[in-house]
Protein backbone atom coordinates (compact mmCIF):
# COMPACT_ATOMS: atom_id res chain seq x y z
CA MET A 1 -31.58 -44.54 -25.64
CA VAL A 2 -30.47 -40.98 -24.82
CA SER A 3 -30.76 -38.42 -27.12
CA LYS A 4 -27.68 -38.00 -29.39
CA HIS A 5 -28.98 -34.65 -30.27
CA PHE A 6 -29.47 -34.38 -26.36
CA ILE A 7 -25.89 -35.21 -25.54
CA LEU A 8 -24.56 -32.90 -27.96
CA ALA A 9 -26.32 -29.73 -26.66
CA VAL A 10 -24.94 -30.95 -23.14
CA THR A 11 -21.84 -31.15 -24.52
CA LEU A 12 -21.56 -27.72 -26.30
CA PHE A 13 -22.89 -25.55 -23.87
CA TRP A 14 -24.09 -27.70 -20.47
CA SER A 15 -22.95 -29.98 -18.59
CA CYS A 16 -23.49 -32.70 -16.58
CA LYS A 17 -44.71 -22.45 -6.15
CA THR A 18 -47.81 -22.97 -6.14
CA THR A 19 -50.70 -20.55 -5.64
CA ASN A 20 -50.42 -16.72 -5.26
CA ASN A 21 -51.39 -17.42 -1.44
CA ILE A 22 -47.64 -18.14 -0.57
CA ALA A 23 -46.55 -20.73 2.11
CA THR A 24 -43.00 -20.44 2.91
CA LYS A 25 -40.84 -23.53 1.77
CA GLN A 26 -37.75 -24.01 4.05
CA ASP A 27 -37.39 -27.31 5.22
CA ASP A 28 -35.13 -29.15 7.60
CA GLY A 29 -34.58 -32.13 9.12
CA SER A 30 -32.18 -35.47 9.69
CA ALA A 31 -31.34 -38.90 12.06
CA LYS A 32 -28.81 -40.79 13.07
CA GLU A 33 -27.90 -44.17 11.33
CA ASP A 34 -24.93 -46.78 11.58
CA ALA A 35 -22.34 -45.90 9.08
CA PRO A 36 -21.63 -47.93 6.06
CA LEU A 37 -18.15 -48.81 4.95
CA SER A 38 -15.88 -45.38 5.01
CA TYR A 39 -18.88 -43.08 5.04
CA GLU A 40 -20.40 -41.61 8.66
CA ILE A 41 -24.18 -41.01 7.70
CA ILE A 42 -25.36 -37.91 9.51
CA GLY A 43 -28.39 -37.62 8.30
CA ASP A 44 -31.02 -40.16 6.71
CA LYS A 45 -32.25 -37.98 3.69
CA LEU A 46 -31.16 -35.06 1.52
CA PRO A 47 -32.96 -32.34 3.09
CA ILE A 48 -34.14 -30.15 -0.07
CA ALA A 49 -37.11 -30.01 -1.78
CA ASP A 50 -37.62 -28.76 -5.49
CA PRO A 51 -34.19 -30.38 -6.46
CA TYR A 52 -31.74 -30.08 -9.08
CA VAL A 53 -28.81 -31.65 -9.90
CA LEU A 54 -25.95 -30.99 -12.16
CA TYR A 55 -23.19 -33.43 -13.56
CA HIS A 56 -20.07 -32.16 -13.80
CA GLY A 57 -16.37 -32.70 -13.53
CA ASP A 58 -17.39 -36.27 -12.25
CA LYS A 59 -19.50 -35.16 -9.42
CA TYR A 60 -23.16 -34.76 -8.87
CA TYR A 61 -24.18 -30.98 -7.44
CA ALA A 62 -27.62 -30.72 -5.92
CA TYR A 63 -29.68 -27.61 -4.91
CA GLY A 64 -32.90 -27.02 -3.52
CA THR A 65 -35.36 -25.10 -1.76
CA ARG A 66 -34.25 -25.35 2.21
CA VAL A 67 -32.81 -21.92 3.55
CA ASN A 68 -32.39 -18.32 2.65
CA GLY A 69 -29.99 -18.77 -0.26
CA PHE A 70 -29.16 -22.10 -1.46
CA GLU A 71 -26.96 -24.58 -0.35
CA VAL A 72 -25.05 -27.31 -2.37
CA TYR A 73 -24.73 -30.79 -1.83
CA ILE A 74 -21.95 -33.01 -3.54
CA SER A 75 -21.75 -36.71 -4.50
CA GLU A 76 -19.90 -39.37 -6.55
CA ASP A 77 -21.85 -42.05 -6.55
CA LEU A 78 -25.70 -40.38 -6.06
CA LYS A 79 -26.40 -42.18 -2.29
CA HIS A 80 -23.70 -40.34 -0.31
CA TRP A 81 -24.08 -36.45 -0.54
CA LYS A 82 -21.88 -34.01 1.35
CA ARG A 83 -23.32 -30.50 2.24
CA SER A 84 -20.73 -28.21 1.24
CA ALA A 85 -19.50 -26.00 3.86
CA HIS A 86 -20.77 -22.67 2.79
CA LEU A 87 -23.75 -21.43 0.56
CA ALA A 88 -23.64 -21.65 -3.17
CA LEU A 89 -25.90 -18.46 -3.16
CA SER A 90 -25.89 -15.73 -0.34
CA PRO A 91 -28.67 -13.24 0.21
CA GLU A 92 -25.99 -10.64 0.24
CA ASN A 93 -25.26 -11.53 -3.17
CA SER A 94 -28.63 -11.93 -4.81
CA TRP A 95 -31.82 -9.48 -5.01
CA GLY A 96 -34.27 -9.78 -2.70
CA THR A 97 -34.67 -11.36 0.75
CA ARG A 98 -36.97 -14.02 1.57
CA TRP A 99 -38.62 -17.15 -0.27
CA TYR A 100 -35.28 -18.75 -2.25
CA TRP A 101 -36.83 -21.12 -4.20
CA ALA A 102 -36.10 -23.96 -7.25
CA PRO A 103 -32.31 -23.02 -7.88
CA GLU A 104 -31.30 -25.14 -11.11
CA VAL A 105 -27.34 -24.39 -12.35
CA TYR A 106 -26.14 -25.06 -16.06
CA TYR A 107 -22.37 -25.05 -17.08
CA VAL A 108 -22.08 -22.96 -20.35
CA ALA A 109 -18.98 -23.98 -21.61
CA SER A 110 -19.00 -21.67 -24.10
CA ARG A 111 -18.29 -19.33 -21.62
CA ASN A 112 -17.20 -21.59 -18.98
CA ARG A 113 -18.93 -20.29 -16.65
CA PHE A 114 -21.66 -21.81 -14.41
CA TYR A 115 -25.25 -19.72 -14.30
CA MET A 116 -27.62 -20.43 -11.39
CA PHE A 117 -31.84 -19.59 -11.93
CA TYR A 118 -33.98 -19.28 -9.29
CA SER A 119 -37.05 -17.81 -7.64
CA VAL A 120 -36.68 -15.57 -4.72
CA ASP A 121 -39.73 -13.18 -3.11
CA GLU A 122 -41.81 -14.44 -6.17
CA HIS A 123 -39.31 -12.91 -8.61
CA ILE A 124 -37.06 -14.85 -10.88
CA CYS A 125 -33.35 -14.08 -11.13
CA VAL A 126 -29.75 -15.26 -12.29
CA ALA A 127 -26.51 -15.32 -10.74
CA SER A 128 -23.28 -16.77 -11.99
CA SER A 129 -19.88 -17.96 -10.70
CA ASN A 130 -16.65 -20.30 -12.36
CA ARG A 131 -17.51 -23.05 -9.82
CA PRO A 132 -20.38 -25.09 -9.64
CA GLU A 133 -20.40 -25.07 -5.90
CA GLY A 134 -20.24 -20.98 -5.97
CA PRO A 135 -19.93 -18.61 -4.68
CA PHE A 136 -22.85 -17.69 -7.32
CA ILE A 137 -22.81 -13.73 -7.50
CA GLN A 138 -26.34 -11.67 -8.89
CA GLN A 139 -24.08 -9.36 -11.20
CA GLU A 140 -27.20 -6.89 -11.94
CA LYS A 141 -29.21 -7.04 -8.49
CA THR A 142 -33.02 -7.09 -10.34
CA PRO A 143 -35.02 -9.64 -11.60
CA ILE A 144 -35.21 -10.86 -14.98
CA VAL A 145 -38.46 -9.87 -15.58
CA SER A 146 -40.46 -7.36 -13.34
CA GLU A 147 -44.12 -9.60 -13.01
CA LYS A 148 -44.11 -11.90 -10.13
CA ALA A 149 -42.58 -15.39 -11.86
CA ILE A 150 -41.47 -18.59 -9.85
CA ASP A 151 -39.58 -21.63 -11.28
CA THR A 152 -37.50 -21.26 -14.00
CA HIS A 153 -35.61 -23.57 -16.77
CA LEU A 154 -33.15 -22.90 -19.17
CA TYR A 155 -32.85 -24.91 -22.27
CA ILE A 156 -30.30 -24.32 -25.02
CA ASP A 157 -31.02 -25.41 -28.31
CA GLU A 158 -28.91 -26.87 -30.50
CA ASP A 159 -28.85 -23.58 -33.16
CA GLY A 160 -27.48 -21.98 -29.83
CA THR A 161 -31.08 -20.53 -28.71
CA PRO A 162 -31.23 -20.29 -25.09
CA TYR A 163 -35.17 -20.19 -23.97
CA LEU A 164 -35.86 -19.55 -20.78
CA TYR A 165 -39.41 -21.56 -19.42
CA TYR A 166 -40.80 -19.95 -16.19
CA VAL A 167 -44.23 -19.92 -14.39
CA ARG A 168 -46.73 -16.61 -14.28
CA PHE A 169 -49.49 -16.06 -12.09
CA THR A 170 -51.82 -15.99 -15.53
CA GLY A 171 -55.28 -17.57 -13.98
CA GLY A 172 -53.63 -20.24 -11.63
CA ASN A 173 -49.67 -21.00 -12.13
CA VAL A 174 -49.01 -21.79 -16.08
CA ILE A 175 -45.40 -22.39 -17.69
CA TRP A 176 -44.42 -19.98 -20.24
CA VAL A 177 -41.54 -19.33 -22.26
CA ALA A 178 -39.67 -16.84 -24.00
CA GLU A 179 -36.29 -16.65 -26.00
CA MET A 180 -33.32 -15.16 -24.07
CA ASN A 181 -30.83 -12.43 -25.07
CA ASP A 182 -27.33 -13.80 -25.33
CA ASP A 183 -26.72 -12.12 -21.88
CA LEU A 184 -28.80 -14.81 -20.39
CA ARG A 185 -29.96 -12.09 -17.69
CA THR A 186 -33.18 -10.91 -19.74
CA ILE A 187 -36.19 -12.36 -22.14
CA LYS A 188 -36.95 -11.06 -25.22
CA ALA A 189 -40.25 -10.33 -24.07
CA GLU A 190 -41.99 -10.42 -27.71
CA THR A 191 -41.38 -13.76 -27.79
CA LEU A 192 -43.19 -14.67 -24.61
CA THR A 193 -45.28 -17.64 -25.33
CA LYS A 194 -48.28 -19.84 -23.25
CA CYS A 195 -46.59 -23.51 -22.59
CA ILE A 196 -48.77 -25.86 -19.96
CA THR A 197 -52.21 -24.80 -17.92
CA ALA A 198 -53.45 -27.11 -15.83
CA GLU A 199 -57.00 -28.68 -17.30
CA GLU A 200 -56.72 -31.94 -17.01
CA PRO A 201 -58.27 -33.79 -13.89
CA TRP A 202 -55.19 -35.02 -12.39
CA GLU A 203 -53.66 -31.45 -12.56
CA ARG A 204 -56.63 -29.75 -10.47
CA LYS A 205 -56.93 -31.97 -7.76
CA GLN A 206 -55.67 -29.10 -5.37
CA GLY A 207 -55.61 -25.60 -6.85
CA THR A 208 -55.28 -24.80 -10.47
CA ILE A 209 -51.17 -25.46 -10.54
CA THR A 210 -48.89 -26.41 -13.29
CA GLU A 211 -44.85 -25.97 -12.43
CA GLY A 212 -41.64 -26.98 -12.22
CA PRO A 213 -40.87 -27.20 -15.77
CA SER A 214 -37.74 -29.11 -17.53
CA VAL A 215 -37.22 -29.52 -21.06
CA ILE A 216 -35.15 -32.17 -22.91
CA LYS A 217 -34.68 -33.00 -26.78
CA HIS A 218 -34.88 -36.71 -28.01
CA GLY A 219 -34.44 -37.34 -31.52
CA ASN A 220 -36.72 -34.46 -33.06
CA MET A 221 -39.10 -34.39 -30.30
CA TYR A 222 -39.17 -31.78 -27.46
CA TYR A 223 -40.39 -33.01 -23.68
CA LEU A 224 -41.53 -31.00 -21.40
CA MET A 225 -41.83 -31.83 -17.95
CA TYR A 226 -44.05 -30.52 -15.27
CA SER A 227 -45.40 -30.81 -11.72
CA ALA A 228 -49.20 -30.22 -10.98
CA ASN A 229 -51.71 -29.71 -8.40
CA HIS A 230 -50.49 -27.63 -4.86
CA PHE A 231 -47.47 -28.91 -3.45
CA GLU A 232 -49.27 -29.57 -0.07
CA SER A 233 -51.26 -31.79 -1.61
CA GLN A 234 -50.33 -35.91 -1.10
CA ASP A 235 -51.34 -35.87 -5.37
CA TYR A 236 -48.58 -33.90 -6.01
CA ALA A 237 -47.71 -35.28 -9.45
CA VAL A 238 -45.37 -35.42 -12.47
CA GLY A 239 -46.31 -35.41 -16.31
CA TYR A 240 -45.14 -34.65 -19.70
CA ALA A 241 -46.04 -32.94 -22.78
CA THR A 242 -44.27 -32.93 -26.40
CA SER A 243 -43.66 -30.75 -29.48
CA ASN A 244 -41.46 -30.18 -32.32
CA SER A 245 -40.51 -26.98 -31.18
CA PRO A 246 -39.28 -25.19 -27.72
CA LYS A 247 -41.80 -22.95 -28.41
CA GLY A 248 -44.87 -25.71 -28.64
CA PRO A 249 -47.76 -25.95 -29.22
CA TRP A 250 -47.43 -28.73 -26.63
CA LYS A 251 -49.27 -31.93 -26.49
CA LYS A 252 -50.03 -33.23 -22.89
CA TYR A 253 -49.15 -37.27 -23.01
CA ASN A 254 -52.33 -39.60 -22.52
CA GLY A 255 -50.56 -41.54 -19.73
CA ASN A 256 -50.15 -38.80 -17.31
CA PRO A 257 -48.94 -38.39 -14.67
CA ILE A 258 -45.98 -40.93 -14.97
CA LEU A 259 -45.29 -40.07 -10.68
CA ARG A 260 -47.74 -39.67 -8.58
CA ARG A 261 -48.41 -41.57 -5.12
CA ASP A 262 -50.08 -44.73 -7.11
CA LYS A 263 -47.35 -45.10 -8.88
CA PRO A 264 -44.68 -47.61 -8.22
CA ALA A 265 -42.33 -45.64 -8.95
CA ALA A 266 -43.24 -43.90 -5.60
CA SER A 267 -42.15 -46.37 -3.19
CA GLY A 268 -44.92 -45.40 -0.87
CA LEU A 269 -43.97 -41.94 -1.00
CA VAL A 270 -46.77 -38.86 -1.29
CA GLY A 271 -46.41 -35.15 -2.40
CA THR A 272 -44.07 -36.54 -5.48
CA GLY A 273 -43.11 -33.69 -7.86
CA HIS A 274 -41.39 -30.92 -8.87
CA GLY A 275 -38.10 -32.60 -10.27
CA ALA A 276 -35.48 -32.40 -12.55
CA PRO A 277 -34.21 -35.24 -15.21
CA PHE A 278 -30.41 -35.29 -15.18
CA ILE A 279 -27.73 -37.25 -16.90
CA THR A 280 -25.85 -39.64 -15.05
CA ALA A 281 -21.73 -40.77 -15.66
CA ASP A 282 -23.13 -43.64 -17.63
CA GLY A 283 -24.90 -41.62 -19.87
CA SER A 284 -28.33 -42.61 -19.05
CA TYR A 285 -31.30 -40.58 -17.69
CA ASN A 286 -32.08 -39.84 -13.68
CA TYR A 287 -35.09 -38.13 -12.37
CA ILE A 288 -34.68 -36.38 -8.91
CA TYR A 289 -37.91 -34.91 -7.10
CA HIS A 290 -39.19 -34.48 -3.66
CA ALA A 291 -41.87 -35.74 -1.66
CA HIS A 292 -43.41 -34.97 1.81
CA ALA A 293 -42.06 -35.76 4.84
CA ASN A 294 -44.69 -38.62 5.51
CA MET A 295 -48.81 -39.27 5.27
CA ASN A 296 -49.41 -36.73 8.10
CA SER A 297 -47.30 -33.97 7.37
CA ILE A 298 -45.82 -32.17 4.26
CA GLY A 299 -42.69 -30.70 5.92
CA PRO A 300 -39.50 -31.55 6.15
CA ARG A 301 -39.89 -32.52 2.46
CA THR A 302 -36.87 -34.46 1.47
CA SER A 303 -35.30 -35.59 -2.42
CA TYR A 304 -35.54 -39.09 -3.82
CA ILE A 305 -34.34 -40.34 -7.14
CA ASN A 306 -35.58 -42.63 -10.11
CA ASP A 307 -34.53 -44.36 -12.75
CA MET A 308 -35.71 -42.62 -16.20
CA THR A 309 -35.56 -43.68 -19.97
CA ILE A 310 -37.40 -42.39 -23.02
CA SER A 311 -38.70 -45.73 -25.15
CA GLU A 312 -38.36 -46.59 -28.75
CA ASP A 313 -41.92 -45.41 -29.16
CA GLY A 314 -41.09 -41.99 -27.41
CA VAL A 315 -42.70 -42.40 -24.15
CA ILE A 316 -40.82 -41.78 -20.67
CA ARG A 317 -40.80 -43.67 -18.09
CA ILE A 318 -39.71 -42.86 -14.60
CA SER A 319 -38.97 -46.26 -12.78
CA GLY A 320 -37.54 -48.68 -10.26
CA GLU A 321 -37.30 -48.42 -6.60
CA ALA A 322 -36.49 -44.65 -5.18
CA THR A 323 -33.10 -44.22 -4.54
CA LYS A 324 -32.99 -42.53 -0.85
CA PRO A 325 -29.90 -40.32 -0.74
CA VAL A 326 -28.34 -40.11 2.64
CA LEU A 327 -26.00 -37.14 4.15
CA VAL A 328 -22.35 -38.15 5.12
CA LYS A 329 -19.70 -36.14 6.99
């Protein structure tokens, strides 16, 4: 059952990587298939990595890593996606010039505005727009924090407190959290708190890396989902931890990882990770994530979607056969 508290938070406030030796994450690729029904398929995959989905106004908007700046893909059924003719965020509207990674977009109803948090040139930034497809513009062209950091995630608690989760390079890739100021452009540095670091064997198969944080609340429990290992690893995987507070301390689930190439939900994919949960039109959860091109090639990485549930005893499960989105004209 989806948390009533989380749905309330969404209604009120939102709608619905790597080691220090960084490799460029630009991906591309498509293929031709026969068109079903009224759709003309122009690509057999959703060609983004580090994907995120926003559900707003009866449509789904997907953003991810692929080019300099960020594209936006739009769907009504999660299977068929159209690429917008214009970038959601253009380099000229942001700080930085390279390595545009992991965008996430939130609708803050109290401001009637959309906020895109993202990484560029190994720093974290935020831009805003009055439309989910953009254009997003960074009003102050400076990073949120001066240090190198990647993989931002915004969570607004039921009391209205905004928290920013992101990855700092503190002995590997480590997930931290800080309260944000009301401007949603700066953090309260004195609240910065460590959340998750790579310690378990499944998290350290390649690199000392935890990244791609996402937070949801179910009942009185906070869930922090994350990915571990280097994104180039075929064992890139997803796990989660729980806490009674958005600032932790966090207890990792003893059944981790919940998504990896050896799990049924992976449907034979490898390098599965850096995804995000989202609420669908019927109020249920789905989980979007990327995978490698195939067993022999990392890129171009593309995105897939699975069902996600939280059981009565509070266990997150990613299940079902992966939906393989396609691009349509």
